[in-house]
Each structure stands twice: as structure tokens, then as C-alpha cells.
N, C-alpha and C. Protein backbone atom coordinates (compact mmCIF):
# COMPACT_ATOMS: atom_id res chain seq x y z
N MET A 1 93.52 109.16 128.32
CA MET A 1 93.00 109.59 127.07
C MET A 1 91.91 108.62 126.67
N ASP A 2 90.81 109.24 126.28
CA ASP A 2 89.64 108.39 125.87
C ASP A 2 89.66 108.47 124.25
N HIS A 3 90.12 107.23 123.78
CA HIS A 3 90.28 106.97 122.43
C HIS A 3 89.06 107.30 121.50
N GLN A 4 87.91 107.23 122.16
CA GLN A 4 86.72 107.43 121.42
C GLN A 4 86.55 108.99 120.99
N ASN A 5 87.29 109.86 121.62
CA ASN A 5 87.24 111.26 121.25
C ASN A 5 88.47 111.65 120.39
N ILE A 6 89.04 110.65 119.67
CA ILE A 6 90.08 110.93 118.75
C ILE A 6 89.41 110.92 117.30
N GLU A 7 89.91 111.95 116.58
CA GLU A 7 89.39 112.14 115.16
C GLU A 7 90.67 112.28 114.34
N LEU A 8 90.70 111.64 113.21
CA LEU A 8 91.77 111.85 112.21
C LEU A 8 91.23 112.79 111.09
N ARG A 9 91.82 113.71 110.72
CA ARG A 9 91.46 114.70 109.77
C ARG A 9 92.62 114.90 108.72
N HIS A 10 92.26 115.31 107.55
CA HIS A 10 93.22 115.45 106.51
C HIS A 10 93.57 116.95 106.16
N SER A 11 93.27 117.70 107.16
CA SER A 11 93.61 119.16 106.95
C SER A 11 93.66 119.70 108.41
N ILE A 12 94.28 120.88 108.35
CA ILE A 12 94.56 121.63 109.65
C ILE A 12 94.71 123.10 109.22
N SER A 13 94.18 123.98 110.15
CA SER A 13 94.27 125.40 109.79
C SER A 13 95.78 125.83 109.96
N PRO A 14 96.07 126.83 109.27
CA PRO A 14 97.38 127.42 109.56
C PRO A 14 97.71 127.82 110.99
N GLU A 15 96.63 128.35 111.59
CA GLU A 15 96.75 128.84 112.96
C GLU A 15 97.07 127.64 113.96
N MET A 16 96.24 126.52 113.75
CA MET A 16 96.52 125.29 114.57
C MET A 16 97.88 124.66 114.27
N PHE A 17 98.15 124.68 113.10
CA PHE A 17 99.65 124.13 112.59
C PHE A 17 100.73 124.88 113.40
N CYS A 18 100.60 126.23 113.29
CA CYS A 18 101.60 126.97 113.91
C CYS A 18 101.60 126.79 115.60
N ARG A 19 100.47 126.66 116.12
CA ARG A 19 100.42 126.37 117.53
C ARG A 19 101.01 125.06 117.86
N LEU A 20 100.71 123.99 117.13
CA LEU A 20 101.32 122.73 117.37
C LEU A 20 102.86 122.79 117.29
N ARG A 21 103.42 123.52 116.23
CA ARG A 21 104.80 123.63 116.10
C ARG A 21 105.43 124.33 117.26
N GLU A 22 104.76 125.35 117.69
CA GLU A 22 105.29 126.12 118.85
C GLU A 22 105.26 125.19 120.19
N GLN A 23 104.32 124.32 120.32
CA GLN A 23 104.21 123.50 121.52
C GLN A 23 105.37 122.58 121.68
N VAL A 24 106.07 122.25 120.48
CA VAL A 24 107.24 121.24 120.44
C VAL A 24 108.47 122.03 120.02
N ASN A 25 108.51 123.28 120.15
CA ASN A 25 109.69 124.06 119.79
C ASN A 25 110.32 123.98 118.48
N PHE A 26 109.44 123.57 117.49
CA PHE A 26 109.76 123.45 116.05
C PHE A 26 110.03 124.96 115.58
N GLN A 27 110.77 125.07 114.38
CA GLN A 27 111.00 126.31 113.80
C GLN A 27 109.74 127.08 113.66
N LYS A 28 109.82 128.32 114.10
CA LYS A 28 108.57 129.25 113.96
C LYS A 28 108.31 129.51 112.51
N VAL A 29 107.06 129.53 112.12
CA VAL A 29 106.73 129.94 110.75
C VAL A 29 105.45 130.91 110.94
N SER A 30 105.34 131.89 110.06
CA SER A 30 104.22 132.78 110.15
C SER A 30 102.95 132.04 109.58
N GLN A 31 101.71 132.56 109.88
CA GLN A 31 100.54 131.98 109.50
C GLN A 31 100.52 132.00 107.95
N ARG A 32 101.11 133.00 107.33
CA ARG A 32 101.27 133.12 105.90
C ARG A 32 102.12 131.96 105.32
N GLN A 33 103.22 131.66 105.98
CA GLN A 33 104.15 130.74 105.59
C GLN A 33 103.36 129.39 105.80
N ALA A 34 102.71 129.18 106.94
CA ALA A 34 101.92 128.06 107.23
C ALA A 34 100.96 127.58 106.16
N LYS A 35 100.16 128.64 105.72
CA LYS A 35 99.24 128.45 104.73
C LYS A 35 99.85 127.84 103.43
N LYS A 36 101.05 128.41 103.04
CA LYS A 36 101.74 127.95 101.83
C LYS A 36 102.24 126.55 102.00
N ILE A 37 102.84 126.33 103.19
CA ILE A 37 103.29 124.96 103.45
C ILE A 37 102.19 123.81 103.30
N LEU A 38 101.10 124.21 103.99
CA LEU A 38 100.08 123.23 104.02
C LEU A 38 99.43 123.10 102.56
N GLU A 39 99.29 124.18 101.83
CA GLU A 39 98.80 124.01 100.42
C GLU A 39 99.76 123.30 99.59
N ASN A 40 101.01 123.25 99.79
CA ASN A 40 101.93 122.41 98.98
C ASN A 40 102.33 121.15 99.66
N THR A 41 101.54 120.54 100.45
CA THR A 41 101.75 119.31 100.97
C THR A 41 100.93 118.21 100.38
N SER A 42 101.51 117.12 100.02
CA SER A 42 100.71 116.10 99.30
C SER A 42 99.67 115.40 100.15
N TYR A 43 99.94 115.28 101.40
CA TYR A 43 99.07 114.58 102.32
C TYR A 43 99.24 115.15 103.66
N ILE A 44 98.18 115.29 104.40
CA ILE A 44 98.24 115.84 105.84
C ILE A 44 97.45 114.79 106.66
N CYS A 45 97.98 114.42 107.77
CA CYS A 45 97.30 113.67 108.76
C CYS A 45 97.24 114.37 110.07
N ALA A 46 96.12 114.80 110.61
CA ALA A 46 96.07 115.52 111.85
C ALA A 46 95.21 114.85 112.80
N VAL A 47 95.66 114.66 114.06
CA VAL A 47 94.94 113.99 115.06
C VAL A 47 94.28 114.97 115.92
N PHE A 48 92.94 114.97 116.14
CA PHE A 48 92.28 115.83 116.98
C PHE A 48 91.63 115.08 118.19
N TYR A 49 91.74 115.62 119.35
CA TYR A 49 91.15 115.00 120.51
C TYR A 49 90.26 116.11 121.27
N ASN A 50 89.06 115.68 121.33
CA ASN A 50 87.93 116.78 121.85
C ASN A 50 88.01 117.89 121.02
N ASN A 51 88.16 117.67 119.76
CA ASN A 51 87.96 118.86 118.76
C ASN A 51 89.32 119.75 118.76
N GLU A 52 90.25 119.43 119.42
CA GLU A 52 91.61 120.18 119.53
C GLU A 52 92.72 119.46 118.82
N PRO A 53 93.57 120.01 118.04
CA PRO A 53 94.69 119.37 117.43
C PRO A 53 95.69 118.89 118.39
N VAL A 54 96.05 117.71 118.45
CA VAL A 54 97.14 117.27 119.37
C VAL A 54 98.28 116.60 118.55
N GLY A 55 98.15 116.41 117.27
CA GLY A 55 99.26 115.89 116.51
C GLY A 55 98.96 116.05 115.05
N VAL A 56 100.18 116.19 114.28
CA VAL A 56 99.89 116.45 112.89
C VAL A 56 101.30 115.78 112.26
N THR A 57 101.20 115.43 110.87
CA THR A 57 102.39 115.17 110.22
C THR A 57 101.95 115.39 108.64
N ARG A 58 102.95 115.64 107.92
CA ARG A 58 102.85 116.02 106.44
C ARG A 58 103.63 115.07 105.69
N LEU A 59 103.21 114.85 104.35
CA LEU A 59 103.80 114.01 103.52
C LEU A 59 104.13 114.78 102.16
N LEU A 60 105.33 114.74 101.77
CA LEU A 60 105.65 115.34 100.36
C LEU A 60 105.95 114.06 99.59
N PHE A 61 105.07 113.84 98.40
CA PHE A 61 105.22 112.57 97.70
C PHE A 61 105.00 112.84 96.32
N ASP A 62 105.81 112.09 95.47
CA ASP A 62 105.73 112.23 93.98
C ASP A 62 104.90 111.20 93.36
N TYR A 63 104.24 110.32 94.17
CA TYR A 63 103.28 109.30 93.76
C TYR A 63 103.98 108.36 92.79
N GLY A 64 105.22 108.24 92.88
CA GLY A 64 105.96 107.35 92.04
C GLY A 64 107.07 106.46 92.75
N THR A 65 108.15 107.16 93.13
CA THR A 65 109.20 106.51 93.78
C THR A 65 109.63 107.09 95.07
N ASP A 66 109.40 108.36 95.37
CA ASP A 66 109.95 109.01 96.63
C ASP A 66 108.76 109.59 97.42
N ALA A 67 108.96 109.48 98.73
CA ALA A 67 108.09 110.09 99.77
C ALA A 67 108.90 110.53 100.90
N TYR A 68 108.55 111.72 101.42
CA TYR A 68 109.24 112.38 102.46
C TYR A 68 108.22 112.80 103.68
N ILE A 69 108.38 112.11 104.79
CA ILE A 69 107.47 112.44 105.87
C ILE A 69 108.14 113.60 106.59
N THR A 70 107.45 114.60 106.92
CA THR A 70 107.94 115.72 107.65
C THR A 70 107.04 116.34 108.68
N ASP A 71 107.48 116.96 109.77
CA ASP A 71 106.66 117.66 110.68
C ASP A 71 105.90 116.65 111.44
N VAL A 72 106.50 115.61 112.07
CA VAL A 72 105.79 114.64 112.96
C VAL A 72 105.78 115.30 114.13
N ILE A 73 104.58 115.88 114.63
CA ILE A 73 104.46 116.74 115.81
C ILE A 73 103.38 116.11 116.64
N VAL A 74 103.62 115.99 117.92
CA VAL A 74 102.62 115.52 118.96
C VAL A 74 102.73 116.46 120.08
N ASN A 75 101.74 117.08 120.49
CA ASN A 75 101.68 117.91 121.68
C ASN A 75 102.39 117.08 122.88
N PRO A 76 103.30 117.75 123.53
CA PRO A 76 103.95 116.97 124.71
C PRO A 76 102.99 116.41 125.74
N ASP A 77 101.82 117.00 125.94
CA ASP A 77 100.80 116.47 126.96
C ASP A 77 100.29 115.18 126.41
N TYR A 78 100.36 114.87 125.12
CA TYR A 78 99.82 113.76 124.62
C TYR A 78 100.79 112.60 124.03
N GLN A 79 102.10 112.89 124.28
CA GLN A 79 103.02 111.99 123.84
C GLN A 79 103.12 110.77 124.67
N GLY A 80 103.43 109.61 124.11
CA GLY A 80 103.16 108.37 124.82
C GLY A 80 101.83 107.80 124.85
N CYS A 81 100.90 108.46 124.16
CA CYS A 81 99.40 107.95 124.13
C CYS A 81 99.17 107.30 122.81
N GLY A 82 100.11 107.12 121.84
CA GLY A 82 99.83 106.42 120.51
C GLY A 82 99.56 107.33 119.45
N ILE A 83 99.65 108.67 119.76
CA ILE A 83 99.24 109.72 118.59
C ILE A 83 100.32 109.53 117.50
N GLY A 84 101.65 109.42 117.85
CA GLY A 84 102.68 109.44 116.90
C GLY A 84 102.58 108.11 115.94
N ARG A 85 102.18 107.05 116.66
CA ARG A 85 102.01 105.74 116.04
C ARG A 85 100.91 105.92 115.04
N LEU A 86 99.85 106.60 115.48
CA LEU A 86 98.61 106.67 114.59
C LEU A 86 98.93 107.53 113.44
N LEU A 87 99.63 108.58 113.51
CA LEU A 87 100.09 109.49 112.41
C LEU A 87 101.08 108.70 111.37
N ILE A 88 102.04 108.00 111.92
CA ILE A 88 103.03 107.32 110.98
C ILE A 88 102.21 106.18 110.36
N GLU A 89 101.51 105.35 110.94
CA GLU A 89 100.65 104.32 110.33
C GLU A 89 99.81 104.69 109.27
N ASN A 90 99.14 105.95 109.43
CA ASN A 90 98.12 106.56 108.61
C ASN A 90 98.98 106.98 107.41
N VAL A 91 100.10 107.69 107.48
CA VAL A 91 100.84 108.14 106.33
C VAL A 91 101.29 106.95 105.57
N LEU A 92 101.92 106.00 106.32
CA LEU A 92 102.55 104.86 105.47
C LEU A 92 101.40 104.08 104.75
N ASN A 93 100.09 104.00 105.38
CA ASN A 93 99.05 103.29 104.69
C ASN A 93 98.71 104.05 103.40
N TYR A 94 98.71 105.41 103.51
CA TYR A 94 98.30 106.23 102.34
C TYR A 94 99.39 106.12 101.14
N ILE A 95 100.57 105.92 101.60
CA ILE A 95 101.58 105.77 100.57
C ILE A 95 101.41 104.46 99.86
N ARG A 96 101.07 103.34 100.65
CA ARG A 96 100.80 101.92 100.13
C ARG A 96 99.70 102.00 99.30
N GLN A 97 98.55 102.81 99.53
CA GLN A 97 97.44 102.70 98.75
C GLN A 97 97.59 103.46 97.48
N ASN A 98 98.51 104.36 97.31
CA ASN A 98 98.77 105.25 96.19
C ASN A 98 99.73 104.92 95.28
N VAL A 99 100.45 103.70 95.59
CA VAL A 99 101.51 103.36 94.63
C VAL A 99 101.25 101.87 94.24
N THR A 100 101.29 101.53 92.96
CA THR A 100 100.85 100.26 92.54
C THR A 100 101.90 99.35 92.07
N ASP A 101 102.96 99.87 91.27
CA ASP A 101 103.83 98.97 90.55
C ASP A 101 105.29 99.32 90.85
N THR A 102 105.62 99.88 91.96
CA THR A 102 106.98 100.14 92.27
C THR A 102 107.14 100.26 93.74
N LYS A 103 108.33 100.17 94.15
CA LYS A 103 108.64 100.47 95.75
C LYS A 103 108.99 102.02 95.85
N VAL A 104 108.58 102.53 96.91
CA VAL A 104 108.80 103.92 97.21
C VAL A 104 109.77 103.99 98.32
N VAL A 105 110.83 104.89 98.19
CA VAL A 105 111.74 105.16 99.25
C VAL A 105 111.07 106.27 100.00
N CYS A 106 110.79 105.94 101.24
CA CYS A 106 110.22 106.75 102.18
C CYS A 106 111.28 107.32 103.29
N SER A 107 111.51 108.64 103.25
CA SER A 107 112.44 109.15 104.21
C SER A 107 111.95 110.09 105.20
N LEU A 108 112.68 110.45 106.22
CA LEU A 108 112.33 111.41 107.18
C LEU A 108 113.57 111.83 108.08
N TYR A 109 113.58 112.85 108.60
CA TYR A 109 114.56 113.30 109.75
C TYR A 109 114.01 112.89 111.11
N ALA A 110 114.67 112.20 111.91
CA ALA A 110 114.29 111.82 113.23
C ALA A 110 115.10 112.65 114.29
N ASN A 111 114.29 113.29 115.06
CA ASN A 111 115.04 114.01 116.25
C ASN A 111 116.01 112.98 117.10
N GLN A 112 117.06 113.48 117.64
CA GLN A 112 117.84 112.61 118.32
C GLN A 112 117.05 111.98 119.46
N GLY A 113 117.22 110.69 119.62
CA GLY A 113 116.46 109.85 120.67
C GLY A 113 115.19 109.28 120.25
N LYS A 114 114.79 109.59 119.04
CA LYS A 114 113.47 109.17 118.42
C LYS A 114 113.69 108.07 117.50
N GLU A 115 114.88 107.76 117.23
CA GLU A 115 115.16 106.75 116.09
C GLU A 115 114.53 105.42 116.40
N ASP A 116 114.50 104.97 117.61
CA ASP A 116 113.92 103.68 118.01
C ASP A 116 112.38 103.66 117.58
N PHE A 117 111.72 104.90 117.83
CA PHE A 117 110.29 104.97 117.48
C PHE A 117 110.06 104.64 116.00
N TYR A 118 110.82 105.17 115.05
CA TYR A 118 110.78 105.03 113.59
C TYR A 118 111.17 103.73 113.33
N HIS A 119 112.06 103.13 113.99
CA HIS A 119 112.69 101.80 113.57
C HIS A 119 111.55 100.74 113.75
N ARG A 120 110.46 100.81 114.67
CA ARG A 120 109.43 99.99 114.81
C ARG A 120 108.66 99.91 113.52
N PHE A 121 108.64 100.87 112.70
CA PHE A 121 107.91 100.97 111.51
C PHE A 121 108.65 100.44 110.24
N GLY A 122 110.03 100.19 110.50
CA GLY A 122 110.98 99.65 109.42
C GLY A 122 111.87 100.69 108.99
N PHE A 123 111.95 101.76 109.48
CA PHE A 123 112.96 102.71 109.03
C PHE A 123 114.31 102.31 109.50
N GLU A 124 115.22 102.59 108.64
CA GLU A 124 116.63 102.28 108.89
C GLU A 124 117.47 103.48 109.06
N LYS A 125 118.47 103.40 109.99
CA LYS A 125 119.36 104.63 110.11
C LYS A 125 120.24 104.63 109.03
N LEU A 126 120.69 105.96 108.63
CA LEU A 126 121.77 106.17 107.69
C LEU A 126 123.02 106.70 108.30
N PRO A 127 124.09 106.34 107.91
CA PRO A 127 124.36 105.68 106.71
C PRO A 127 124.12 104.09 106.83
N ASN A 128 123.80 103.56 105.71
CA ASN A 128 123.69 102.18 105.58
C ASN A 128 124.18 101.72 104.04
N ILE A 129 124.36 100.38 104.03
CA ILE A 129 124.81 99.88 102.73
C ILE A 129 123.86 100.08 101.68
N LYS A 130 122.60 99.97 101.85
CA LYS A 130 121.59 100.05 100.77
C LYS A 130 121.36 101.56 100.20
N TYR A 131 121.38 102.57 101.15
CA TYR A 131 121.14 103.94 100.75
C TYR A 131 122.41 104.75 100.93
N GLY A 132 123.48 104.46 101.53
CA GLY A 132 124.64 105.21 101.63
C GLY A 132 124.31 106.32 102.72
N TYR A 133 125.01 107.45 102.52
CA TYR A 133 124.89 108.55 103.43
C TYR A 133 123.88 109.64 102.85
N GLY A 134 123.19 110.26 103.82
CA GLY A 134 122.32 111.23 103.56
C GLY A 134 123.14 112.54 103.51
N MET A 135 122.49 113.48 102.77
CA MET A 135 123.13 114.84 102.81
C MET A 135 122.16 116.01 102.96
N VAL A 136 122.55 117.11 103.40
CA VAL A 136 121.51 118.17 103.64
C VAL A 136 122.27 119.48 103.50
N LEU A 137 121.46 120.44 102.93
CA LEU A 137 121.98 121.89 102.69
C LEU A 137 120.89 122.85 103.29
N ASP A 138 121.32 123.79 104.01
CA ASP A 138 120.46 125.00 104.38
C ASP A 138 120.52 125.92 103.30
N VAL A 139 119.37 126.27 102.65
CA VAL A 139 119.34 127.28 101.57
C VAL A 139 118.78 128.56 102.07
């Protein structure tokens, strides 16, 4: 992979977002849903290689105390090339630049087997003493 042809963008079309989700077998969403998802995202980081999207992640952020990283997606053909690292580093830098006088709890769901990847950035597995157990509800 020629890293000179990598471009970071802070938007992605609904069509491209849907295509990336399908490439990694994420939950399918319609283009209408994707448009709404993207419009209601606090921050988007997309990696393009030769003008094609190869990775994306989204941040839901209250700009005070809580941030949630979601949809960390890297095209399987580009996994292991540093795209995921670039996405996470970019989002974490964005959080740090946009919070001044407090600590932010940043959370995410990690697919099984990907925990070590996130641990390199300082993420801790739950449950733990500091944050207890996480909980989830399908609505």
C-alpha cells in the first residue's frame, strides 16, 4: 500500500458507508438510514486510498464527559495496513482537542478477538474495578 495515496476525510456518502459495512458483514442499513446515521454523528473519520473508501469510524460525543466510538470499519483487503490505527488515533486526537477542563470516558464495542488492538490505545476490558460492568439493550 502506497501511503502517499491515503487521504483522511471527515465525511462519506451514504452509498460508500453502506458498501464498507457490507464488506465487513456489519448490520445492513438502507441508504436512507445511512444518511440519517451520518447526519447525527458528531465526527466522522474516513480513510480513502486512491479515492476509494477503505475505512471509516464514527464518534458520538457530548463534548463534555462522554464519547462513544462506533462503526470502526476497515475493508478486509486493507486490514493490517495501519488503517484502523489511523482511524482510532484520529478520533482520539479529535476528542482531546475538543475537551478542555475534564476527562472524557470514551467507550466502544470491540469484536471478539480485536480487544488487543484497542488495548494498545489504552482501552480497558470490562468489567473492571473503575467502571464496573457494561450493559446493553436491543430496542
